[in-house]
């Protein structure tokens, strides 16, 4: 038997939807800043410590947003750092972060 989600009032659903949209927009803005070079990898990890919605970003989305890194290169970096495709930034261990910095910071 699968558990059923808690019943939410209409107001709770509207608020949850509003919050989800705001979080997606914030993550899109952060990815844009990373792609343009306004936000470094170090700054992004510091930001993830302060903002939950940034910490929830998938590591793959972060890596593929970096300048000069496409999907194939992002997958190669993820594999070499032993990071699963579904891993989120907050879930990266110290060794995985070190591997990312080694692979990405030139």
N, C-alpha and C. Protein backbone atom coordinates (compact mmCIF):
# COMPACT_ATOMS: atom_id res chain seq x y z
N UNK A 1 0.85 -1.18 0.00
CA UNK A 1 0.00 0.00 0.00
C UNK A 1 0.89 1.24 0.00
N UNK A 2 0.64 2.12 -0.94
CA UNK A 2 1.44 3.34 -1.01
C UNK A 2 0.82 4.42 -0.13
N UNK A 3 1.67 5.17 0.55
CA UNK A 3 1.12 6.24 1.41
C UNK A 3 0.51 7.34 0.56
N UNK A 4 -0.54 7.93 1.07
CA UNK A 4 -1.19 9.03 0.35
C UNK A 4 -0.64 10.35 0.88
N UNK A 5 -0.47 11.31 0.00
CA UNK A 5 0.02 12.62 0.46
C UNK A 5 -1.01 13.29 1.36
N UNK A 6 -0.56 14.17 2.22
CA UNK A 6 -1.52 14.85 3.10
C UNK A 6 -2.47 15.73 2.30
N UNK A 7 -3.68 15.82 2.76
CA UNK A 7 -4.68 16.66 2.10
C UNK A 7 -4.35 18.13 2.39
N UNK A 8 -4.28 18.92 1.34
CA UNK A 8 -3.97 20.34 1.48
C UNK A 8 -5.20 21.17 1.14
N UNK A 9 -5.30 22.27 1.81
CA UNK A 9 -6.39 23.19 1.47
C UNK A 9 -6.04 23.89 0.16
N UNK A 10 -7.01 24.53 -0.42
CA UNK A 10 -6.77 25.27 -1.66
C UNK A 10 -5.68 26.32 -1.46
N UNK A 11 -5.74 27.03 -0.34
CA UNK A 11 -4.74 28.07 -0.06
C UNK A 11 -3.34 27.48 0.07
N UNK A 12 -3.24 26.30 0.71
CA UNK A 12 -1.93 25.65 0.86
C UNK A 12 -1.38 25.22 -0.49
N UNK A 13 -2.25 24.71 -1.37
CA UNK A 13 -1.80 24.31 -2.71
C UNK A 13 -1.35 25.52 -3.51
N UNK A 14 -2.08 26.61 -3.43
CA UNK A 14 -1.72 27.84 -4.15
C UNK A 14 -0.38 28.35 -3.64
N UNK A 15 -0.18 28.36 -2.32
CA UNK A 15 1.08 28.83 -1.74
C UNK A 15 2.24 27.92 -2.14
N UNK A 16 2.03 26.61 -2.14
CA UNK A 16 3.08 25.67 -2.54
C UNK A 16 3.44 25.86 -4.00
N UNK A 17 2.45 26.09 -4.83
CA UNK A 17 2.70 26.33 -6.25
C UNK A 17 3.48 27.62 -6.45
N UNK A 18 3.09 28.67 -5.75
CA UNK A 18 3.79 29.96 -5.84
C UNK A 18 5.25 29.81 -5.42
N UNK A 19 5.48 29.08 -4.34
CA UNK A 19 6.84 28.87 -3.85
C UNK A 19 7.67 28.05 -4.84
N UNK A 20 7.06 27.03 -5.45
CA UNK A 20 7.77 26.20 -6.43
C UNK A 20 8.19 27.03 -7.64
N UNK A 21 7.30 27.89 -8.10
CA UNK A 21 7.62 28.75 -9.25
C UNK A 21 8.76 29.71 -8.89
N UNK A 22 8.71 30.29 -7.71
CA UNK A 22 9.76 31.21 -7.27
C UNK A 22 11.10 30.49 -7.18
N UNK A 23 11.10 29.26 -6.67
CA UNK A 23 12.34 28.49 -6.56
C UNK A 23 12.90 28.15 -7.94
N UNK A 24 12.05 27.75 -8.88
CA UNK A 24 12.52 27.44 -10.23
C UNK A 24 13.12 28.68 -10.89
N UNK A 25 12.47 29.83 -10.69
CA UNK A 25 13.00 31.08 -11.27
C UNK A 25 14.35 31.43 -10.66
N UNK A 26 14.49 31.24 -9.36
CA UNK A 26 15.76 31.54 -8.69
C UNK A 26 16.87 30.63 -9.21
N UNK A 27 16.57 29.32 -9.35
CA UNK A 27 17.59 28.40 -9.87
C UNK A 27 17.96 28.75 -11.31
N UNK A 28 16.98 29.15 -12.12
CA UNK A 28 17.26 29.56 -13.50
C UNK A 28 18.15 30.80 -13.52
N UNK A 29 17.90 31.74 -12.62
CA UNK A 29 18.73 32.94 -12.53
C UNK A 29 20.16 32.58 -12.12
N UNK A 30 20.31 31.68 -11.17
CA UNK A 30 21.64 31.26 -10.72
C UNK A 30 22.38 30.57 -11.88
N UNK A 31 21.68 29.71 -12.63
CA UNK A 31 22.32 29.03 -13.78
C UNK A 31 22.75 30.06 -14.82
N UNK A 32 21.93 31.10 -15.04
CA UNK A 32 22.30 32.14 -15.99
C UNK A 32 23.55 32.88 -15.53
N UNK A 33 23.64 33.15 -14.21
CA UNK A 33 24.81 33.84 -13.67
C UNK A 33 26.06 32.96 -13.79
N UNK A 34 25.91 31.67 -13.59
CA UNK A 34 27.04 30.75 -13.74
C UNK A 34 27.49 30.73 -15.19
N UNK A 35 26.54 30.62 -16.11
CA UNK A 35 26.86 30.55 -17.54
C UNK A 35 27.55 31.81 -18.03
N UNK A 36 27.13 32.97 -17.51
CA UNK A 36 27.72 34.24 -17.96
C UNK A 36 29.04 34.55 -17.26
N UNK A 37 29.37 33.79 -16.22
CA UNK A 37 30.62 34.04 -15.49
C UNK A 37 30.47 35.01 -14.34
N UNK A 38 29.25 35.50 -14.09
CA UNK A 38 29.03 36.42 -12.97
C UNK A 38 29.19 35.73 -11.62
N UNK A 39 28.98 34.42 -11.61
CA UNK A 39 29.01 33.64 -10.38
C UNK A 39 30.00 32.50 -10.55
N UNK A 40 31.03 32.47 -9.70
CA UNK A 40 32.04 31.41 -9.79
C UNK A 40 31.53 30.16 -9.08
N UNK A 41 32.24 29.06 -9.28
CA UNK A 41 31.89 27.80 -8.62
C UNK A 41 31.96 27.94 -7.11
N UNK A 42 32.99 28.62 -6.62
CA UNK A 42 33.12 28.82 -5.17
C UNK A 42 31.95 29.63 -4.63
N UNK A 43 31.59 30.70 -5.35
CA UNK A 43 30.48 31.54 -4.92
C UNK A 43 29.16 30.78 -4.95
N UNK A 44 29.02 29.89 -5.93
CA UNK A 44 27.79 29.11 -6.01
C UNK A 44 27.65 28.18 -4.80
N UNK A 45 28.73 27.53 -4.41
CA UNK A 45 28.65 26.64 -3.24
C UNK A 45 28.38 27.44 -1.96
N UNK A 46 28.94 28.66 -1.86
CA UNK A 46 28.64 29.52 -0.71
C UNK A 46 27.17 29.92 -0.72
N UNK A 47 26.64 30.23 -1.90
CA UNK A 47 25.24 30.59 -2.04
C UNK A 47 24.33 29.41 -1.65
N UNK A 48 24.74 28.21 -2.03
CA UNK A 48 23.96 27.02 -1.70
C UNK A 48 23.88 26.79 -0.19
N UNK A 49 24.90 27.26 0.55
CA UNK A 49 24.86 27.16 2.01
C UNK A 49 23.78 28.07 2.60
N UNK A 50 23.52 29.19 1.92
CA UNK A 50 22.57 30.18 2.42
C UNK A 50 21.15 30.01 1.88
N UNK A 51 21.04 29.49 0.66
CA UNK A 51 19.72 29.40 0.01
C UNK A 51 19.36 27.96 -0.29
N UNK A 52 18.29 27.50 0.31
CA UNK A 52 17.84 26.11 0.15
C UNK A 52 17.51 25.79 -1.30
N UNK A 53 16.87 26.72 -2.01
CA UNK A 53 16.48 26.41 -3.39
C UNK A 53 17.70 26.23 -4.29
N UNK A 54 18.80 26.89 -3.98
CA UNK A 54 20.04 26.70 -4.76
C UNK A 54 20.66 25.36 -4.39
N UNK A 55 20.62 24.99 -3.12
CA UNK A 55 21.16 23.71 -2.67
C UNK A 55 20.41 22.54 -3.30
N UNK A 56 19.15 22.77 -3.69
CA UNK A 56 18.34 21.72 -4.30
C UNK A 56 18.61 21.55 -5.79
N UNK A 57 19.44 22.41 -6.38
CA UNK A 57 19.75 22.31 -7.80
C UNK A 57 20.53 21.03 -8.06
N UNK A 58 20.24 20.37 -9.16
CA UNK A 58 20.99 19.16 -9.51
C UNK A 58 22.41 19.55 -9.93
N UNK A 59 23.36 18.73 -9.50
CA UNK A 59 24.76 18.99 -9.82
C UNK A 59 24.98 18.98 -11.33
N UNK A 60 24.28 18.09 -12.04
CA UNK A 60 24.41 18.03 -13.49
C UNK A 60 23.99 19.35 -14.13
N UNK A 61 22.90 19.95 -13.64
CA UNK A 61 22.43 21.23 -14.18
C UNK A 61 23.48 22.32 -13.95
N UNK A 62 24.11 22.29 -12.79
CA UNK A 62 25.18 23.26 -12.49
C UNK A 62 26.34 23.09 -13.45
N UNK A 63 26.82 21.86 -13.59
CA UNK A 63 27.99 21.61 -14.43
C UNK A 63 27.71 21.95 -15.89
N UNK A 64 26.55 21.54 -16.39
CA UNK A 64 26.24 21.82 -17.79
C UNK A 64 25.96 23.30 -18.04
N UNK A 65 25.72 24.07 -16.98
CA UNK A 65 25.51 25.52 -17.14
C UNK A 65 26.82 26.28 -17.23
N UNK A 66 27.92 25.65 -16.86
CA UNK A 66 29.21 26.33 -16.91
C UNK A 66 29.61 26.64 -18.34
N UNK A 67 30.30 27.75 -18.56
CA UNK A 67 30.74 28.10 -19.91
C UNK A 67 31.65 27.03 -20.49
N UNK A 68 31.48 26.76 -21.78
CA UNK A 68 32.31 25.82 -22.54
C UNK A 68 32.14 24.37 -22.10
N UNK A 69 31.04 24.06 -21.39
CA UNK A 69 30.79 22.67 -21.02
C UNK A 69 29.41 22.29 -21.53
N UNK A 70 29.40 21.30 -22.39
CA UNK A 70 28.14 20.79 -22.92
C UNK A 70 27.71 19.54 -22.18
N UNK A 71 26.71 18.88 -22.72
CA UNK A 71 26.16 17.70 -22.07
C UNK A 71 27.16 16.56 -21.97
N UNK A 72 27.90 16.30 -23.04
CA UNK A 72 28.85 15.18 -23.05
C UNK A 72 29.97 15.41 -22.05
N UNK A 73 30.52 16.61 -22.05
CA UNK A 73 31.60 16.93 -21.12
C UNK A 73 31.09 16.90 -19.68
N UNK A 74 29.86 17.40 -19.46
CA UNK A 74 29.27 17.38 -18.11
C UNK A 74 29.12 15.94 -17.62
N UNK A 75 28.66 15.05 -18.49
CA UNK A 75 28.52 13.64 -18.11
C UNK A 75 29.87 13.02 -17.79
N UNK A 76 30.89 13.36 -18.57
CA UNK A 76 32.23 12.84 -18.33
C UNK A 76 32.76 13.31 -16.97
N UNK A 77 32.56 14.59 -16.66
CA UNK A 77 33.00 15.14 -15.38
C UNK A 77 32.27 14.47 -14.23
N UNK A 78 30.97 14.30 -14.39
CA UNK A 78 30.16 13.66 -13.34
C UNK A 78 30.66 12.23 -13.09
N UNK A 79 30.93 11.53 -14.15
CA UNK A 79 31.39 10.14 -14.02
C UNK A 79 32.75 10.08 -13.35
N UNK A 80 33.66 10.95 -13.74
CA UNK A 80 35.02 10.93 -13.15
C UNK A 80 34.99 11.33 -11.69
N UNK A 81 34.01 12.14 -11.27
CA UNK A 81 33.90 12.56 -9.87
C UNK A 81 32.98 11.63 -9.07
N UNK A 82 32.48 10.57 -9.71
CA UNK A 82 31.58 9.60 -9.07
C UNK A 82 30.33 10.28 -8.52
N UNK A 83 29.71 11.11 -9.35
CA UNK A 83 28.50 11.82 -8.96
C UNK A 83 27.35 11.28 -9.81
N UNK A 84 26.29 10.84 -9.15
CA UNK A 84 25.11 10.33 -9.86
C UNK A 84 24.40 11.48 -10.56
N UNK A 85 23.72 11.17 -11.67
CA UNK A 85 22.99 12.18 -12.44
C UNK A 85 21.94 12.90 -11.59
N UNK A 86 21.39 12.20 -10.61
CA UNK A 86 20.30 12.77 -9.81
C UNK A 86 20.78 13.50 -8.55
N UNK A 87 22.09 13.51 -8.29
CA UNK A 87 22.63 14.12 -7.07
C UNK A 87 22.41 15.62 -7.10
N UNK A 88 22.04 16.16 -5.96
CA UNK A 88 21.83 17.60 -5.83
C UNK A 88 23.07 18.23 -5.19
N UNK A 89 23.21 19.54 -5.32
CA UNK A 89 24.40 20.24 -4.83
C UNK A 89 24.61 19.97 -3.35
N UNK A 90 23.54 20.04 -2.55
CA UNK A 90 23.70 19.84 -1.11
C UNK A 90 24.14 18.41 -0.78
N UNK A 91 23.92 17.47 -1.69
CA UNK A 91 24.26 16.07 -1.44
C UNK A 91 25.67 15.69 -1.85
N UNK A 92 26.44 16.65 -2.36
CA UNK A 92 27.81 16.35 -2.77
C UNK A 92 28.71 16.24 -1.55
N UNK A 93 29.48 15.18 -1.50
CA UNK A 93 30.42 15.01 -0.40
C UNK A 93 31.70 15.81 -0.65
N UNK A 94 32.57 15.89 0.36
CA UNK A 94 33.81 16.66 0.22
C UNK A 94 34.70 16.16 -0.92
N UNK A 95 34.78 14.85 -1.09
CA UNK A 95 35.61 14.31 -2.18
C UNK A 95 35.02 14.65 -3.54
N UNK A 96 33.69 14.60 -3.65
CA UNK A 96 33.05 14.94 -4.92
C UNK A 96 33.23 16.42 -5.25
N UNK A 97 33.12 17.27 -4.24
CA UNK A 97 33.35 18.71 -4.46
C UNK A 97 34.79 18.96 -4.90
N UNK A 98 35.72 18.30 -4.23
CA UNK A 98 37.13 18.46 -4.58
C UNK A 98 37.38 18.02 -6.02
N UNK A 99 36.77 16.91 -6.43
CA UNK A 99 36.90 16.44 -7.80
C UNK A 99 36.32 17.44 -8.81
N UNK A 100 35.19 18.03 -8.46
CA UNK A 100 34.59 19.03 -9.33
C UNK A 100 35.51 20.24 -9.49
N UNK A 101 36.04 20.73 -8.38
CA UNK A 101 36.95 21.89 -8.46
C UNK A 101 38.19 21.53 -9.28
N UNK A 102 38.71 20.32 -9.07
CA UNK A 102 39.90 19.90 -9.82
C UNK A 102 39.59 19.86 -11.31
N UNK A 103 38.42 19.36 -11.68
CA UNK A 103 38.05 19.22 -13.09
C UNK A 103 37.64 20.53 -13.73
N UNK A 104 37.09 21.45 -12.94
CA UNK A 104 36.48 22.65 -13.53
C UNK A 104 37.29 23.92 -13.36
N UNK A 105 37.99 24.06 -12.26
CA UNK A 105 38.72 25.31 -12.00
C UNK A 105 40.09 25.18 -12.64
N UNK A 106 40.36 26.06 -13.59
CA UNK A 106 41.63 25.97 -14.32
C UNK A 106 42.57 27.05 -13.88
